[in-house]
Structure formats: C-alpha cells, structure tokens
Protein backbone atom coordinates (compact mmCIF):
# COMPACT_ATOMS: atom_id res chain seq x y z
CA MET A 1 -129.99 36.32 -9.68
CA VAL A 2 -129.82 33.46 -12.18
CA ASP A 3 -128.35 33.88 -15.67
CA ARG A 4 -129.24 30.96 -17.95
CA ILE A 5 -131.08 30.72 -21.28
CA VAL A 6 -134.01 28.32 -20.89
CA PRO A 7 -136.08 28.11 -24.11
CA GLY A 8 -138.58 25.78 -22.44
CA TYR A 9 -140.32 22.67 -23.77
CA PRO A 10 -138.28 21.03 -26.58
CA LYS A 11 -141.23 20.19 -28.83
CA ASP A 12 -139.06 19.10 -31.77
CA GLU A 13 -137.12 16.61 -29.63
CA ALA A 14 -139.76 15.54 -27.11
CA GLU A 15 -140.55 12.15 -28.68
CA GLU A 16 -136.89 11.24 -29.02
CA ILE A 17 -136.25 12.20 -25.38
CA ARG A 18 -139.24 10.19 -24.16
CA ALA A 19 -138.00 7.15 -26.06
CA SER A 20 -134.51 7.49 -24.58
CA ILE A 21 -135.69 7.79 -20.95
CA GLY A 22 -138.45 5.20 -21.28
CA PHE A 23 -141.44 7.17 -19.98
CA ASN A 24 -143.67 10.12 -20.85
CA ASP A 25 -142.28 13.18 -19.05
CA ASN A 26 -144.40 16.27 -19.75
CA LEU A 27 -142.06 18.45 -17.68
CA ILE A 28 -139.10 18.21 -20.05
CA VAL A 29 -137.27 21.55 -20.29
CA SER A 30 -134.27 22.45 -22.43
CA SER A 31 -131.56 24.87 -21.35
CA GLU A 32 -128.03 25.83 -22.21
CA VAL A 33 -125.10 24.35 -20.31
CA PHE A 34 -123.92 27.81 -19.23
CA HIS A 35 -125.20 29.03 -15.87
CA LEU A 36 -124.40 31.82 -13.43
CA TRP A 37 -125.87 32.26 -9.96
CA VAL A 38 -125.21 35.56 -8.17
CA ILE A 39 -126.04 35.63 -4.46
CA GLU A 40 -126.19 38.92 -2.56
CA GLY A 41 -125.60 39.05 1.17
CA ALA A 42 -123.13 38.88 4.03
CA LYS A 43 -119.92 36.82 3.83
CA GLU A 44 -121.43 34.28 6.21
CA ILE A 45 -123.80 33.12 3.45
CA GLN A 46 -120.93 31.67 1.45
CA GLN A 47 -119.71 29.78 4.51
CA ALA A 48 -123.17 28.43 5.32
CA PHE A 49 -124.05 27.65 1.68
CA PRO A 50 -120.82 26.94 -0.25
CA ALA A 51 -122.52 26.18 -3.57
CA ASP A 52 -119.37 27.22 -5.41
CA LYS A 53 -117.63 24.19 -3.91
CA CYS A 54 -120.07 21.88 -5.73
CA GLY A 55 -118.99 22.80 -9.24
CA LEU A 56 -121.61 25.53 -9.65
CA ASN A 57 -120.75 28.90 -11.19
CA VAL A 58 -121.66 31.09 -8.21
CA ILE A 59 -120.66 34.64 -7.33
CA TYR A 60 -121.17 35.91 -3.77
CA THR A 61 -121.38 39.69 -3.50
CA HIS A 62 -122.65 42.46 -1.26
CA ASP A 63 -124.36 44.09 -4.27
CA LEU A 64 -125.70 42.14 -7.25
CA THR A 65 -127.04 45.28 -8.99
CA PRO A 66 -124.19 45.53 -11.54
CA TYR A 67 -124.55 41.85 -12.44
CA ARG A 68 -128.33 42.18 -12.83
CA THR A 69 -127.91 45.32 -14.95
CA ARG A 70 -125.28 43.60 -17.11
CA LYS A 71 -127.48 40.56 -17.71
CA VAL A 72 -130.75 42.43 -18.29
CA ARG A 73 -129.30 45.07 -20.59
CA ILE A 74 -126.87 42.95 -22.63
CA LEU A 75 -128.40 39.47 -22.84
CA ASN A 76 -132.09 40.26 -22.40
CA GLY A 77 -131.78 43.62 -24.12
CA ALA A 78 -130.20 42.04 -27.21
CA HIS A 79 -132.97 39.42 -27.26
CA THR A 80 -135.69 42.07 -27.08
CA CYS A 81 -134.07 44.16 -29.83
CA MET A 82 -133.59 41.27 -32.24
CA VAL A 83 -137.18 39.99 -31.89
CA PRO A 84 -139.13 42.60 -33.91
CA ILE A 85 -136.34 43.04 -36.45
CA GLY A 86 -135.98 39.30 -36.92
CA LEU A 87 -139.70 38.59 -37.19
CA LEU A 88 -140.21 41.39 -39.69
CA ASN A 89 -137.35 39.92 -41.76
CA GLU A 90 -138.71 36.36 -41.70
CA ILE A 91 -136.18 35.10 -39.15
CA ASP A 92 -137.55 32.67 -36.57
CA THR A 93 -134.88 31.96 -33.94
CA VAL A 94 -132.02 33.52 -32.00
CA LEU A 95 -129.53 31.25 -33.77
CA GLU A 96 -130.80 32.32 -37.19
CA SER A 97 -130.53 35.94 -36.05
CA VAL A 98 -126.84 35.70 -35.20
CA GLU A 99 -126.16 33.67 -38.34
CA ASP A 100 -127.74 36.36 -40.53
CA LYS A 101 -125.06 38.73 -41.82
CA TRP A 102 -126.92 41.98 -41.23
CA LEU A 103 -128.85 41.15 -38.08
CA SER A 104 -125.70 39.73 -36.50
CA SER A 105 -123.86 42.95 -37.34
CA TYR A 106 -126.70 44.94 -35.82
CA VAL A 107 -126.71 42.93 -32.57
CA HIS A 108 -122.94 43.34 -32.24
CA GLN A 109 -123.30 47.08 -32.85
CA ILE A 110 -125.93 47.71 -30.18
CA ILE A 111 -124.21 45.58 -27.54
CA PHE A 112 -120.71 47.02 -27.88
CA ASN A 113 -121.43 50.56 -29.08
CA GLU A 114 -124.68 51.46 -27.34
CA ILE A 115 -125.50 49.19 -24.38
CA ALA A 116 -122.15 48.38 -22.76
CA SER A 117 -121.19 52.04 -22.45
CA THR A 118 -124.18 52.65 -20.13
CA ILE A 119 -123.18 49.99 -17.55
CA ASN A 120 -121.00 50.83 -14.56
CA LEU A 121 -118.57 47.91 -14.74
CA PRO A 122 -114.98 47.65 -16.02
CA LYS A 123 -114.84 47.76 -19.82
CA GLN A 124 -112.86 44.52 -20.14
CA ALA A 125 -115.32 42.61 -17.94
CA LEU A 126 -118.25 43.90 -20.00
CA GLU A 127 -116.61 42.98 -23.30
CA THR A 128 -115.81 39.49 -22.01
CA TYR A 129 -119.40 38.99 -20.89
CA ALA A 130 -120.76 40.40 -24.16
CA ASN A 131 -118.61 38.02 -26.22
CA GLU A 132 -119.79 35.12 -24.05
CA VAL A 133 -123.40 36.14 -24.69
CA LEU A 134 -122.86 36.19 -28.45
CA GLU A 135 -121.33 32.71 -28.26
CA ARG A 136 -124.32 31.53 -26.22
CA PHE A 137 -126.68 32.88 -28.88
CA LYS A 138 -124.83 30.70 -31.42
CA ASN A 139 -125.52 27.47 -29.50
CA PRO A 140 -126.73 25.05 -32.22
CA PHE A 141 -128.41 22.78 -29.67
CA ILE A 142 -130.82 25.45 -28.42
CA ARG A 143 -133.84 26.43 -30.52
CA HIS A 144 -134.95 29.73 -28.99
CA GLU A 145 -137.98 31.01 -30.88
CA LEU A 146 -138.25 34.78 -31.40
CA GLN A 147 -142.03 34.36 -31.19
CA SER A 148 -141.58 33.07 -27.65
CA ILE A 149 -139.36 35.98 -26.62
CA ALA A 150 -141.93 38.35 -28.17
CA LEU A 151 -144.33 37.73 -25.27
CA ASN A 152 -145.07 41.06 -23.50
CA SER A 153 -142.59 42.95 -25.68
CA ILE A 154 -143.78 46.39 -24.56
CA SER A 155 -142.95 45.83 -20.89
CA LYS A 156 -139.77 43.98 -21.87
CA TYR A 157 -138.58 46.93 -23.97
CA LYS A 158 -139.31 49.28 -21.06
CA VAL A 159 -137.24 47.22 -18.60
CA ARG A 160 -134.52 45.76 -20.82
CA VAL A 161 -133.79 48.40 -23.47
CA LEU A 162 -135.27 51.79 -22.62
CA PRO A 163 -132.90 52.41 -19.66
CA SER A 164 -129.91 51.91 -21.99
CA LEU A 165 -131.45 54.23 -24.58
CA LEU A 166 -132.09 56.98 -22.03
CA ASP A 167 -128.73 56.58 -20.26
CA TYR A 168 -126.92 56.73 -23.61
CA TYR A 169 -128.84 59.87 -24.55
CA ASN A 170 -128.32 61.56 -21.17
CA THR A 171 -124.59 60.82 -21.28
CA THR A 172 -123.80 61.66 -24.89
CA LYS A 173 -126.71 63.94 -25.84
CA LYS A 174 -127.10 61.70 -28.89
CA LEU A 175 -129.65 59.03 -29.68
CA PRO A 176 -128.47 55.40 -29.92
CA LYS A 177 -129.75 54.72 -33.42
CA GLY A 178 -129.64 50.94 -33.05
CA LEU A 179 -131.76 50.84 -29.90
CA VAL A 180 -134.16 53.34 -31.43
CA LEU A 181 -134.36 51.16 -34.55
CA ALA A 182 -135.50 48.21 -32.42
CA PHE A 183 -138.16 50.46 -30.87
CA THR A 184 -139.41 51.47 -34.32
CA HIS A 185 -139.49 47.85 -35.48
CA LEU A 186 -141.45 46.92 -32.37
CA ILE A 187 -144.14 49.47 -33.20
CA LYS A 188 -144.15 48.31 -36.82
CA LEU A 189 -144.53 44.68 -35.69
CA TYR A 190 -147.44 45.50 -33.37
CA LEU A 191 -149.17 47.33 -36.20
CA THR A 192 -148.74 44.44 -38.64
CA ASP A 193 -152.03 42.67 -39.44
CA THR A 194 -150.42 39.25 -39.73
CA PHE A 195 -148.73 39.41 -36.31
CA THR A 196 -150.62 38.13 -33.27
CA ILE A 197 -149.78 40.37 -30.32
CA GLN A 198 -149.03 38.43 -27.12
CA ASP A 199 -149.35 41.19 -24.58
CA SER A 200 -151.72 42.75 -22.04
CA ASP A 201 -155.27 43.65 -23.05
CA GLU A 202 -154.38 47.34 -22.69
CA VAL A 203 -151.56 46.96 -25.20
CA LYS A 204 -153.68 44.92 -27.62
CA ILE A 205 -156.54 47.45 -27.56
CA PHE A 206 -154.17 50.41 -27.93
CA PHE A 207 -152.46 49.05 -31.04
CA SER A 208 -155.70 47.72 -32.50
CA ASN A 209 -157.19 51.21 -32.31
CA LEU A 210 -153.99 52.73 -33.65
CA ARG A 211 -153.98 50.31 -36.60
CA ALA A 212 -157.58 51.15 -37.41
CA SER A 213 -157.01 54.91 -37.18
CA LYS A 214 -155.06 55.15 -40.47
CA ASN A 215 -153.23 58.19 -39.12
CA SER A 216 -149.94 59.58 -40.40
CA VAL A 217 -146.64 57.99 -39.38
CA ARG A 218 -145.75 60.98 -37.21
CA HIS A 219 -149.12 60.89 -35.43
CA ILE A 220 -148.69 57.16 -34.70
CA ILE A 221 -145.18 57.67 -33.33
CA ASP A 222 -146.32 60.59 -31.16
CA LYS A 223 -149.22 58.55 -29.76
CA VAL A 224 -146.99 55.60 -28.87
CA LEU A 225 -144.27 57.73 -27.29
CA ALA A 226 -146.85 59.70 -25.28
CA LYS A 227 -148.27 56.53 -23.67
CA GLN A 228 -146.91 56.99 -20.16
CA ALA A 229 -148.69 53.84 -18.97
CA PHE A 230 -146.26 51.89 -21.18
CA TRP A 231 -143.00 53.80 -20.62
CA GLY A 232 -143.39 55.59 -17.30
CA THR A 233 -142.84 58.95 -19.02
CA ASP A 234 -143.72 60.88 -22.17
CA LEU A 235 -140.93 59.90 -24.55
CA ASN A 236 -141.85 62.71 -26.94
CA LEU A 237 -139.81 64.87 -24.55
CA VAL A 238 -136.58 63.11 -25.59
CA ALA A 239 -135.19 65.56 -28.13
CA GLY A 240 -135.05 64.12 -31.64
CA LEU A 241 -136.62 60.77 -30.77
CA PRO A 242 -140.01 61.33 -32.48
CA GLU A 243 -138.30 62.65 -35.61
CA LEU A 244 -135.81 59.77 -35.82
CA MET A 245 -138.49 57.13 -35.29
CA THR A 246 -140.77 58.78 -37.85
CA SER A 247 -137.94 58.70 -40.38
CA GLN A 248 -137.15 55.06 -39.61
CA MET A 249 -140.82 54.02 -39.74
CA SER A 250 -141.29 55.74 -43.09
CA LEU A 251 -138.36 53.78 -44.51
CA LEU A 252 -139.72 50.52 -43.08
CA ASN A 253 -143.09 51.26 -44.69
CA TYR A 254 -141.29 51.51 -48.02
CA GLY A 255 -139.82 48.04 -47.49
CA ILE A 256 -136.33 49.11 -46.40
CA LYS A 257 -134.59 46.19 -44.66
CA ILE A 258 -132.08 45.97 -41.81
CA SER A 259 -129.15 45.78 -44.24
CA ASN A 260 -129.77 49.36 -45.36
CA PHE A 261 -129.70 50.67 -41.81
CA ILE A 262 -126.47 48.82 -41.02
CA GLU A 263 -124.85 50.22 -44.16
CA GLU A 264 -125.79 53.71 -43.02
CA GLU A 265 -124.12 53.12 -39.64
CA ALA A 266 -120.90 51.75 -41.17
C-alpha cells in the first residue's frame, strides 16, 4: 500500500518547470514530499528487499489491513467529505478547504469524532496520523483541486466514508452527523444543474432522471438511499438516516451554509 498525495499534472507551473529542465516533458507529475509504503508479507521480504535502508519510509508487516483502513478512512475519507461541501460553498482546493474557518472545523470534527473511533488501532497512533494528514492538507506547494477528487464520488463515498458511517452507527446506535452531512451535500451537488457529474453512465442517468422528476425532498432521499447498486444495501434501513438527510437537504435548499451546521454541533 502506498500513501502519498499526488495531485497530478501541475498545469499552473508546467511552463516554468519546462524552462528550468530545458525540454518539454509531458509526463510531469506533482506530489507531496511525504510518502509511506506498507509491504505485507513474511519477514524474509525485508531481508531480500531492504527498502527502508535506502531512506524510504517503509513499514513491513504481516497484515497491512489496519494501515489501509487508516489511510482510506481518514485521508481519503476526509477528501471525499470535503469535496461536495467545498464545491457547494465556492471552495476550489483542499488547501482552501482547510484554511476556511468552518470547513476546517468540520473536517477536524469528522476525523477525530466520527472516523477515528471506528478504526481498530491505538488511539494515540490514530491521532498522530490524523494530525499529520491535516498538516499535509495545508501544504502550500500542492494545488489539489476538489473538482479532480470529485471524479466517481458515488463509488468513493461507498468505499471511503460509508463504512465509517455504518460502523459508527452500529457501535453507538447514533448517526455520525458530519459524515451524513457530506452524504447529503453529495446528493445536493449531483442534483445541481451547474455541476458536471464525472461518474459512471448509470450514476449520470440516475441523477439526471431524479433532477427532472421534481419530486419532494423525502422522495429523492429515499430513492438515493434505496439504490443498492450504488451502496451494496438499502440504506433506508438505517434507522433515522432518511429523516436526518431529509432535514439536512431541506436546510441546504434554503441556502443554509456549513457554518450553521458546525454551530449546531458545537
């Protein structure tokens, strides 16, 4: 497993980079300095391939599952949650998201209060990793576009966020309001006329038909949650979830912003 934020082609800096290296390189890719490589296998692998001796940040383990879960749920999960909220609040990048007073507070809330508690690793190790992730999001040299992360947001929410939501609910018998709020914003974003959905044809057709239906907020929420092809289950069966999302969507339709939701949680 590799943990490194790689925004991709640095379009704003490409010409300057080409000038500095003296040729036209169309394969330029930007990434953060931070990196982590987790290798699962027998102890002999470390002896045969001692990458950690070359200055690389490598962990050798017999089970990388906790590290994958930590990375997917905290780093990727936070990315996926901030995307629809950020885009609907005219925020364009990850850096702008963590510099915004209310969105930054929201991201901190979901990571420490809702996501971390669902991961089977020592609390101190999780908090250390979470704080590192927040610092990585603040990297001023990386321009990570929310629009880019928004690609295939339905499947990303299913893999990166939904397991935390369900584990939190199954453990506490309460809904994690922050993770649910990201879900509601995602539906709102996909129903917004000015947003171009970058997803599968099935997803595009589903939300296009839903947008054209002009149905009530509750009917729209029920239809989305019932789409087992998206979530692997009928999420209407999660007690209180349709009602909470209907309430949140109604507020969003009235122009309520993220700051109001954070104030309610305080």
